[in-house]
Amino acid sequence: MQPGAPPLQFSIGQVHGVDRDKVFERAESALVNVGYRIDKRDPVDGILITEPIRMVGDGVVPRRRASISRPAVLREVAEVRVTQAAEGVKVRCRIVMQELATEAYRMFMSQRAVSDSPGATPIELEAATTAEQNTVWRTVHHDKRKERRVLSAILADRS
């Protein structure tokens, strides 16, 4: 997510009387206590992003088209942003479920081409990148209930 992303994508809370660094520590503890492992920890910018938790869906994914019959490969990622505000410390939390969508994006890639003649070589298609870099995840659900649970743990902590 970009720094200027709309705040509506996050559940938001606010803490008064505690410094930003302490709230950042509380946020990290709350994520770990819920069962996440931290992947990216940036105390300067106040950003915590968890390692994805991978799962295979039962075919029932929010907003999923019925035409796809195989089980979805899903993952859940949590992100917490802690920023200093004039009226206290603002905490933003987002927990999303994402669906593996690499094949769908590859299938329609040719439709975005400028030319109708196929001319891309395999090296141009993959651009000599890793499988992880070429993997596309599409957000299919925001888990507002988990976001509120993590926010409550951060805001309620008085240590």
N, C-alpha and C. Protein backbone atom coordinates (compact mmCIF):
# COMPACT_ATOMS: atom_id res chain seq x y z
N MET A 1 0.83 -1.18 0.00
CA MET A 1 0.00 0.00 0.00
C MET A 1 0.87 1.24 0.00
N GLN A 2 0.44 2.24 -0.70
CA GLN A 2 1.16 3.50 -0.77
C GLN A 2 0.86 4.35 0.45
N PRO A 3 1.79 5.24 0.86
CA PRO A 3 1.57 6.07 2.04
C PRO A 3 0.30 6.91 1.97
N GLY A 4 -0.11 7.35 0.80
CA GLY A 4 -1.27 8.20 0.68
C GLY A 4 -2.56 7.45 0.39
N ALA A 5 -2.60 6.15 0.66
CA ALA A 5 -3.79 5.34 0.35
C ALA A 5 -4.97 5.79 1.20
N PRO A 6 -6.17 5.63 0.68
CA PRO A 6 -7.36 6.06 1.41
C PRO A 6 -7.48 5.36 2.76
N PRO A 7 -7.82 6.09 3.82
CA PRO A 7 -7.91 5.48 5.14
C PRO A 7 -9.07 4.51 5.28
N LEU A 8 -10.04 4.52 4.35
CA LEU A 8 -11.18 3.62 4.45
C LEU A 8 -10.78 2.16 4.25
N GLN A 9 -9.60 1.90 3.73
CA GLN A 9 -9.14 0.53 3.57
C GLN A 9 -8.66 -0.05 4.89
N PHE A 10 -8.58 0.77 5.92
CA PHE A 10 -8.08 0.35 7.22
C PHE A 10 -9.13 0.58 8.30
N SER A 11 -9.09 -0.23 9.35
CA SER A 11 -9.82 0.10 10.57
C SER A 11 -8.90 1.01 11.35
N ILE A 12 -9.45 2.06 11.95
CA ILE A 12 -8.62 3.10 12.57
C ILE A 12 -8.97 3.24 14.05
N GLY A 13 -7.92 3.41 14.85
CA GLY A 13 -8.07 3.68 16.28
C GLY A 13 -7.10 4.76 16.69
N GLN A 14 -7.27 5.27 17.89
CA GLN A 14 -6.41 6.33 18.37
C GLN A 14 -6.08 6.11 19.84
N VAL A 15 -4.84 6.43 20.21
CA VAL A 15 -4.37 6.28 21.58
C VAL A 15 -3.89 7.64 22.07
N HIS A 16 -4.26 7.98 23.30
CA HIS A 16 -3.83 9.24 23.90
C HIS A 16 -2.90 8.95 25.08
N GLY A 17 -1.94 9.83 25.30
CA GLY A 17 -1.08 9.73 26.47
C GLY A 17 0.00 8.67 26.40
N VAL A 18 0.27 8.12 25.23
CA VAL A 18 1.32 7.12 25.05
C VAL A 18 2.13 7.53 23.83
N ASP A 19 3.46 7.37 23.90
CA ASP A 19 4.26 7.78 22.74
C ASP A 19 4.17 6.75 21.62
N ARG A 20 4.49 7.19 20.41
CA ARG A 20 4.33 6.38 19.20
C ARG A 20 5.14 5.10 19.27
N ASP A 21 6.36 5.16 19.79
CA ASP A 21 7.21 3.96 19.85
C ASP A 21 6.59 2.88 20.73
N LYS A 22 5.98 3.28 21.83
CA LYS A 22 5.33 2.32 22.73
C LYS A 22 4.12 1.69 22.04
N VAL A 23 3.35 2.49 21.32
CA VAL A 23 2.19 1.96 20.59
C VAL A 23 2.66 1.00 19.49
N PHE A 24 3.77 1.32 18.84
CA PHE A 24 4.32 0.45 17.81
C PHE A 24 4.68 -0.91 18.41
N GLU A 25 5.30 -0.92 19.58
CA GLU A 25 5.64 -2.18 20.27
C GLU A 25 4.37 -2.95 20.63
N ARG A 26 3.34 -2.24 21.11
CA ARG A 26 2.08 -2.89 21.44
C ARG A 26 1.44 -3.49 20.19
N ALA A 27 1.55 -2.81 19.07
CA ALA A 27 0.98 -3.33 17.81
C ALA A 27 1.69 -4.61 17.40
N GLU A 28 3.00 -4.62 17.51
CA GLU A 28 3.76 -5.82 17.16
C GLU A 28 3.37 -6.99 18.07
N SER A 29 3.26 -6.73 19.37
CA SER A 29 2.84 -7.78 20.31
C SER A 29 1.44 -8.28 20.01
N ALA A 30 0.54 -7.38 19.69
CA ALA A 30 -0.85 -7.78 19.38
C ALA A 30 -0.89 -8.70 18.17
N LEU A 31 -0.14 -8.37 17.12
CA LEU A 31 -0.12 -9.21 15.92
C LEU A 31 0.44 -10.60 16.24
N VAL A 32 1.52 -10.65 16.99
CA VAL A 32 2.13 -11.93 17.35
C VAL A 32 1.18 -12.74 18.23
N ASN A 33 0.51 -12.08 19.18
CA ASN A 33 -0.42 -12.79 20.07
C ASN A 33 -1.62 -13.36 19.33
N VAL A 34 -2.02 -12.74 18.22
CA VAL A 34 -3.13 -13.24 17.42
C VAL A 34 -2.67 -14.42 16.55
N GLY A 35 -1.37 -14.59 16.36
CA GLY A 35 -0.86 -15.73 15.60
C GLY A 35 -0.08 -15.38 14.34
N TYR A 36 0.19 -14.12 14.11
CA TYR A 36 0.95 -13.72 12.93
C TYR A 36 2.45 -13.69 13.24
N ARG A 37 3.23 -13.80 12.17
CA ARG A 37 4.69 -13.60 12.26
C ARG A 37 5.01 -12.37 11.45
N ILE A 38 5.88 -11.53 11.98
CA ILE A 38 6.21 -10.26 11.33
C ILE A 38 7.17 -10.51 10.17
N ASP A 39 6.83 -9.96 9.00
CA ASP A 39 7.66 -10.05 7.81
C ASP A 39 8.44 -8.75 7.60
N LYS A 40 7.74 -7.62 7.72
CA LYS A 40 8.39 -6.32 7.54
C LYS A 40 8.13 -5.49 8.79
N ARG A 41 9.20 -5.00 9.38
CA ARG A 41 9.11 -4.18 10.59
C ARG A 41 9.89 -2.90 10.34
N ASP A 42 9.18 -1.77 10.26
CA ASP A 42 9.82 -0.48 9.99
C ASP A 42 9.40 0.51 11.07
N PRO A 43 10.16 0.57 12.18
CA PRO A 43 9.77 1.46 13.27
C PRO A 43 9.85 2.94 12.91
N VAL A 44 10.70 3.32 11.97
CA VAL A 44 10.82 4.72 11.58
C VAL A 44 9.53 5.21 10.93
N ASP A 45 8.99 4.42 10.00
CA ASP A 45 7.74 4.79 9.34
C ASP A 45 6.51 4.25 10.06
N GLY A 46 6.72 3.42 11.10
CA GLY A 46 5.61 2.87 11.87
C GLY A 46 4.81 1.82 11.14
N ILE A 47 5.48 0.97 10.35
CA ILE A 47 4.78 -0.03 9.53
C ILE A 47 5.14 -1.44 9.97
N LEU A 48 4.12 -2.26 10.15
CA LEU A 48 4.28 -3.69 10.41
C LEU A 48 3.46 -4.45 9.38
N ILE A 49 4.09 -5.40 8.70
CA ILE A 49 3.40 -6.27 7.74
C ILE A 49 3.74 -7.70 8.11
N THR A 50 2.74 -8.55 8.16
CA THR A 50 2.96 -9.93 8.57
C THR A 50 3.32 -10.82 7.39
N GLU A 51 3.90 -11.97 7.71
CA GLU A 51 4.13 -12.99 6.69
C GLU A 51 2.76 -13.52 6.27
N PRO A 52 2.60 -13.81 5.01
CA PRO A 52 1.30 -14.36 4.57
C PRO A 52 1.05 -15.73 5.21
N ILE A 53 -0.19 -15.94 5.60
CA ILE A 53 -0.63 -17.25 6.07
C ILE A 53 -1.37 -17.87 4.91
N ARG A 54 -0.79 -18.95 4.34
CA ARG A 54 -1.39 -19.57 3.14
C ARG A 54 -2.40 -20.63 3.53
N MET A 55 -3.43 -20.73 2.71
CA MET A 55 -4.48 -21.73 2.93
C MET A 55 -5.10 -22.07 1.58
N VAL A 56 -5.82 -23.16 1.54
CA VAL A 56 -6.56 -23.53 0.34
C VAL A 56 -8.02 -23.41 0.68
N GLY A 57 -8.73 -22.63 -0.13
CA GLY A 57 -10.16 -22.40 0.13
C GLY A 57 -11.00 -23.56 -0.33
N ASP A 58 -12.25 -23.56 0.11
CA ASP A 58 -13.19 -24.61 -0.28
C ASP A 58 -14.00 -24.22 -1.49
N GLY A 59 -13.54 -23.19 -2.21
CA GLY A 59 -14.27 -22.72 -3.37
C GLY A 59 -15.24 -21.60 -3.04
N VAL A 60 -15.41 -21.31 -1.75
CA VAL A 60 -16.30 -20.23 -1.33
C VAL A 60 -15.43 -19.06 -0.90
N VAL A 61 -15.23 -18.14 -1.81
CA VAL A 61 -14.44 -16.95 -1.55
C VAL A 61 -15.35 -15.76 -1.76
N PRO A 62 -15.36 -14.78 -0.85
CA PRO A 62 -16.22 -13.63 -1.06
C PRO A 62 -16.02 -13.01 -2.44
N ARG A 63 -17.10 -12.66 -3.11
CA ARG A 63 -17.10 -12.04 -4.43
C ARG A 63 -16.45 -12.90 -5.51
N ARG A 64 -16.43 -14.19 -5.33
CA ARG A 64 -15.81 -15.08 -6.30
C ARG A 64 -16.81 -15.49 -7.37
N ARG A 65 -16.37 -15.58 -8.59
CA ARG A 65 -17.24 -16.00 -9.69
C ARG A 65 -17.52 -17.50 -9.60
N ALA A 66 -18.73 -17.89 -9.88
CA ALA A 66 -19.12 -19.29 -9.80
C ALA A 66 -18.51 -20.12 -10.92
N SER A 67 -17.98 -19.49 -11.97
CA SER A 67 -17.45 -20.23 -13.10
C SER A 67 -16.11 -20.89 -12.81
N ILE A 68 -15.48 -20.54 -11.73
CA ILE A 68 -14.19 -21.14 -11.38
C ILE A 68 -14.48 -22.26 -10.39
N SER A 69 -14.12 -23.50 -10.76
CA SER A 69 -14.53 -24.63 -9.96
C SER A 69 -13.44 -25.19 -9.05
N ARG A 70 -12.19 -24.91 -9.31
CA ARG A 70 -11.15 -25.50 -8.48
C ARG A 70 -10.97 -24.71 -7.19
N PRO A 71 -10.46 -25.36 -6.15
CA PRO A 71 -10.26 -24.66 -4.88
C PRO A 71 -9.29 -23.49 -5.04
N ALA A 72 -9.59 -22.43 -4.37
CA ALA A 72 -8.75 -21.23 -4.45
C ALA A 72 -7.54 -21.39 -3.54
N VAL A 73 -6.40 -20.87 -3.99
CA VAL A 73 -5.24 -20.76 -3.13
C VAL A 73 -5.30 -19.36 -2.54
N LEU A 74 -5.39 -19.31 -1.22
CA LEU A 74 -5.59 -18.05 -0.53
C LEU A 74 -4.46 -17.77 0.45
N ARG A 75 -4.35 -16.51 0.82
CA ARG A 75 -3.43 -16.14 1.89
C ARG A 75 -4.02 -14.96 2.63
N GLU A 76 -3.62 -14.83 3.88
CA GLU A 76 -4.07 -13.72 4.70
C GLU A 76 -2.86 -12.90 5.12
N VAL A 77 -2.96 -11.59 5.00
CA VAL A 77 -1.86 -10.69 5.35
C VAL A 77 -2.42 -9.57 6.21
N ALA A 78 -1.71 -9.25 7.29
CA ALA A 78 -2.11 -8.14 8.16
C ALA A 78 -1.08 -7.02 8.05
N GLU A 79 -1.57 -5.79 8.10
CA GLU A 79 -0.71 -4.61 8.05
C GLU A 79 -1.19 -3.62 9.11
N VAL A 80 -0.26 -3.12 9.91
CA VAL A 80 -0.57 -2.11 10.91
C VAL A 80 0.35 -0.92 10.67
N ARG A 81 -0.24 0.27 10.71
CA ARG A 81 0.52 1.52 10.56
C ARG A 81 0.26 2.38 11.78
N VAL A 82 1.35 2.83 12.40
CA VAL A 82 1.27 3.65 13.60
C VAL A 82 1.88 5.01 13.28
N THR A 83 1.09 6.08 13.42
CA THR A 83 1.58 7.42 13.10
C THR A 83 1.24 8.39 14.21
N GLN A 84 2.11 9.37 14.38
CA GLN A 84 1.87 10.43 15.35
C GLN A 84 0.90 11.43 14.75
N ALA A 85 -0.11 11.78 15.51
CA ALA A 85 -1.09 12.78 15.08
C ALA A 85 -1.12 13.88 16.15
N ALA A 86 -1.66 15.02 15.80
CA ALA A 86 -1.72 16.15 16.74
C ALA A 86 -2.49 15.78 18.01
N GLU A 87 -3.51 14.94 17.86
CA GLU A 87 -4.35 14.60 19.00
C GLU A 87 -4.01 13.25 19.63
N GLY A 88 -2.88 12.66 19.32
CA GLY A 88 -2.47 11.37 19.88
C GLY A 88 -1.77 10.52 18.85
N VAL A 89 -1.80 9.23 19.06
CA VAL A 89 -1.18 8.29 18.13
C VAL A 89 -2.29 7.56 17.38
N LYS A 90 -2.23 7.61 16.07
CA LYS A 90 -3.24 6.98 15.22
C LYS A 90 -2.73 5.59 14.81
N VAL A 91 -3.62 4.60 14.91
CA VAL A 91 -3.29 3.23 14.55
C VAL A 91 -4.25 2.78 13.46
N ARG A 92 -3.69 2.32 12.34
CA ARG A 92 -4.49 1.81 11.23
C ARG A 92 -4.18 0.33 11.07
N CYS A 93 -5.22 -0.48 10.93
CA CYS A 93 -5.04 -1.93 10.80
C CYS A 93 -5.83 -2.42 9.60
N ARG A 94 -5.18 -3.27 8.81
CA ARG A 94 -5.84 -3.87 7.65
C ARG A 94 -5.46 -5.34 7.60
N ILE A 95 -6.47 -6.20 7.50
CA ILE A 95 -6.24 -7.64 7.35
C ILE A 95 -7.02 -8.07 6.12
N VAL A 96 -6.30 -8.58 5.14
CA VAL A 96 -6.94 -8.95 3.88
C VAL A 96 -6.71 -10.41 3.54
N MET A 97 -7.70 -10.98 2.86
CA MET A 97 -7.56 -12.30 2.28
C MET A 97 -7.31 -12.07 0.79
N GLN A 98 -6.28 -12.73 0.28
CA GLN A 98 -5.93 -12.57 -1.13
C GLN A 98 -5.98 -13.91 -1.82
N GLU A 99 -6.37 -13.89 -3.09
CA GLU A 99 -6.47 -15.09 -3.91
C GLU A 99 -5.34 -15.09 -4.94
N LEU A 100 -4.73 -16.25 -5.13
CA LEU A 100 -3.71 -16.38 -6.15
C LEU A 100 -4.35 -16.20 -7.52
N ALA A 101 -3.89 -15.20 -8.28
CA ALA A 101 -4.53 -14.85 -9.55
C ALA A 101 -3.54 -14.79 -10.70
N THR A 102 -2.38 -15.39 -10.54
CA THR A 102 -1.34 -15.30 -11.57
C THR A 102 -1.81 -15.82 -12.91
N GLU A 103 -2.46 -16.99 -12.94
CA GLU A 103 -2.88 -17.58 -14.21
C GLU A 103 -3.91 -16.71 -14.93
N ALA A 104 -4.84 -16.14 -14.18
CA ALA A 104 -5.85 -15.27 -14.80
C ALA A 104 -5.19 -14.04 -15.41
N TYR A 105 -4.21 -13.47 -14.73
CA TYR A 105 -3.53 -12.30 -15.27
C TYR A 105 -2.71 -12.65 -16.50
N ARG A 106 -2.08 -13.82 -16.49
CA ARG A 106 -1.30 -14.24 -17.66
C ARG A 106 -2.21 -14.48 -18.86
N MET A 107 -3.38 -15.05 -18.60
CA MET A 107 -4.31 -15.38 -19.68
C MET A 107 -4.76 -14.12 -20.43
N PHE A 108 -4.93 -13.03 -19.72
CA PHE A 108 -5.42 -11.80 -20.35
C PHE A 108 -4.32 -10.80 -20.67
N MET A 109 -3.07 -11.16 -20.42
CA MET A 109 -1.95 -10.25 -20.67
C MET A 109 -1.86 -9.87 -22.15
N SER A 110 -2.13 -10.82 -23.04
CA SER A 110 -2.02 -10.54 -24.47
C SER A 110 -3.05 -9.51 -24.92
N GLN A 111 -4.16 -9.39 -24.22
CA GLN A 111 -5.18 -8.41 -24.60
C GLN A 111 -4.76 -6.98 -24.29
N ARG A 112 -3.76 -6.83 -23.44
CA ARG A 112 -3.27 -5.49 -23.11
C ARG A 112 -2.13 -5.07 -24.03
N ALA A 113 -1.74 -5.95 -24.94
CA ALA A 113 -0.62 -5.65 -25.83
C ALA A 113 -1.01 -4.59 -26.85
N VAL A 114 0.01 -3.86 -27.32
CA VAL A 114 -0.19 -2.81 -28.32
C VAL A 114 -0.34 -3.41 -29.71
N SER A 115 0.33 -4.53 -29.94
CA SER A 115 0.33 -5.16 -31.25
C SER A 115 -0.43 -6.48 -31.21
N ASP A 116 -1.02 -6.85 -32.35
CA ASP A 116 -1.71 -8.13 -32.44
C ASP A 116 -0.76 -9.29 -32.73
N SER A 117 0.45 -8.99 -33.23
CA SER A 117 1.36 -10.08 -33.55
C SER A 117 2.18 -10.48 -32.32
N PRO A 118 2.21 -11.79 -32.07
CA PRO A 118 2.99 -12.26 -30.93
C PRO A 118 4.47 -12.06 -31.21
N GLY A 119 5.14 -11.40 -30.34
CA GLY A 119 6.55 -11.14 -30.56
C GLY A 119 7.38 -11.23 -29.31
N ALA A 120 6.75 -11.47 -28.19
CA ALA A 120 7.48 -11.52 -26.93
C ALA A 120 8.19 -12.85 -26.77
N THR A 121 9.45 -12.79 -26.42
CA THR A 121 10.22 -14.00 -26.16
C THR A 121 9.99 -14.42 -24.71
N PRO A 122 10.32 -15.65 -24.35
CA PRO A 122 10.14 -16.08 -22.96
C PRO A 122 10.85 -15.17 -21.95
N ILE A 123 12.03 -14.68 -22.30
CA ILE A 123 12.75 -13.80 -21.38
C ILE A 123 12.01 -12.47 -21.21
N GLU A 124 11.34 -12.00 -22.27
CA GLU A 124 10.57 -10.76 -22.15
C GLU A 124 9.30 -10.98 -21.33
N LEU A 125 8.70 -12.15 -21.48
CA LEU A 125 7.48 -12.44 -20.74
C LEU A 125 7.74 -12.53 -19.24
N GLU A 126 8.81 -13.19 -18.87
CA GLU A 126 9.13 -13.35 -17.45
C GLU A 126 10.12 -12.30 -16.97
N ALA A 127 10.76 -11.60 -17.89
CA ALA A 127 11.70 -10.52 -17.58
C ALA A 127 12.80 -10.96 -16.64
N ALA A 128 13.19 -12.22 -16.72
CA ALA A 128 14.27 -12.77 -15.90
C ALA A 128 14.03 -12.49 -14.42
N THR A 129 12.81 -12.66 -13.98
CA THR A 129 12.46 -12.43 -12.58
C THR A 129 12.16 -13.76 -11.90
N THR A 130 12.00 -13.70 -10.59
CA THR A 130 11.73 -14.91 -9.83
C THR A 130 10.24 -15.24 -9.85
N ALA A 131 9.92 -16.46 -9.47
CA ALA A 131 8.51 -16.88 -9.41
C ALA A 131 7.75 -16.01 -8.41
N GLU A 132 8.38 -15.67 -7.31
CA GLU A 132 7.72 -14.82 -6.30
C GLU A 132 7.38 -13.44 -6.87
N GLN A 133 8.28 -12.89 -7.67
CA GLN A 133 8.03 -11.57 -8.27
C GLN A 133 6.92 -11.63 -9.32
N ASN A 134 6.77 -12.77 -9.97
CA ASN A 134 5.76 -12.91 -11.02
C ASN A 134 4.40 -13.37 -10.49
N THR A 135 4.32 -13.70 -9.21
CA THR A 135 3.07 -14.16 -8.62
C THR A 135 2.17 -12.96 -8.35
N VAL A 136 0.90 -13.10 -8.75
CA VAL A 136 -0.08 -12.03 -8.58
C VAL A 136 -1.12 -12.47 -7.55
N TRP A 137 -1.33 -11.65 -6.53
CA TRP A 137 -2.35 -11.89 -5.51
C TRP A 137 -3.40 -10.80 -5.63
N ARG A 138 -4.66 -11.21 -5.63
CA ARG A 138 -5.77 -10.27 -5.74
C ARG A 138 -6.55 -10.28 -4.42
N THR A 139 -6.75 -9.09 -3.85
CA THR A 139 -7.50 -8.98 -2.60
C THR A 139 -8.97 -9.28 -2.87
N VAL A 140 -9.51 -10.23 -2.10
CA VAL A 140 -10.91 -10.62 -2.27
C VAL A 140 -11.77 -10.32 -1.05
N HIS A 141 -11.13 -9.99 0.08
CA HIS A 141 -11.91 -9.77 1.30
C HIS A 141 -11.09 -9.01 2.34
N HIS A 142 -11.73 -8.05 2.99
CA HIS A 142 -11.15 -7.38 4.16
C HIS A 142 -11.81 -8.00 5.39
N ASP A 143 -11.02 -8.47 6.34
CA ASP A 143 -11.57 -9.09 7.54
C ASP A 143 -11.69 -8.04 8.64
N LYS A 144 -12.81 -7.30 8.61
CA LYS A 144 -13.03 -6.21 9.57
C LYS A 144 -13.10 -6.72 11.01
N ARG A 145 -13.63 -7.91 11.21
CA ARG A 145 -13.72 -8.46 12.57
C ARG A 145 -12.33 -8.67 13.18
N LYS A 146 -11.42 -9.26 12.41
CA LYS A 146 -10.05 -9.45 12.92
C LYS A 146 -9.34 -8.11 13.10
N GLU A 147 -9.60 -7.18 12.18
CA GLU A 147 -9.00 -5.85 12.32
C GLU A 147 -9.41 -5.22 13.64
N ARG A 148 -10.69 -5.30 13.97
CA ARG A 148 -11.17 -4.73 15.23
C ARG A 148 -10.57 -5.44 16.43
N ARG A 149 -10.39 -6.77 16.33
CA ARG A 149 -9.79 -7.53 17.43
C ARG A 149 -8.35 -7.10 17.67
N VAL A 150 -7.58 -6.94 16.58
CA VAL A 150 -6.19 -6.50 16.72
C VAL A 150 -6.14 -5.08 17.26
N LEU A 151 -6.97 -4.20 16.71
CA LEU A 151 -7.02 -2.81 17.20
C LEU A 151 -7.37 -2.76 18.68
N SER A 152 -8.34 -3.54 19.10
CA SER A 152 -8.74 -3.55 20.51
C SER A 152 -7.57 -3.98 21.40
N ALA A 153 -6.82 -4.98 20.95
CA ALA A 153 -5.67 -5.43 21.73
C ALA A 153 -4.61 -4.34 21.83
N ILE A 154 -4.40 -3.61 20.77
CA ILE A 154 -3.41 -2.53 20.78
C ILE A 154 -3.88 -1.38 21.68
N LEU A 155 -5.13 -0.98 21.54
CA LEU A 155 -5.65 0.17 22.27
C LEU A 155 -5.89 -0.14 23.75
N ALA A 156 -6.19 -1.40 24.08
CA ALA A 156 -6.48 -1.76 25.46
C ALA A 156 -5.23 -2.03 26.28
N ASP A 157 -4.12 -2.34 25.64
CA ASP A 157 -2.88 -2.65 26.35
C ASP A 157 -2.42 -1.43 27.15
N ARG A 158 -2.23 -1.60 28.42
CA ARG A 158 -1.79 -0.50 29.28
C ARG A 158 -0.38 -0.72 29.84
N SER A 159 0.36 -1.64 29.24
CA SER A 159 1.72 -1.91 29.74
C SER A 159 2.69 -0.82 29.32
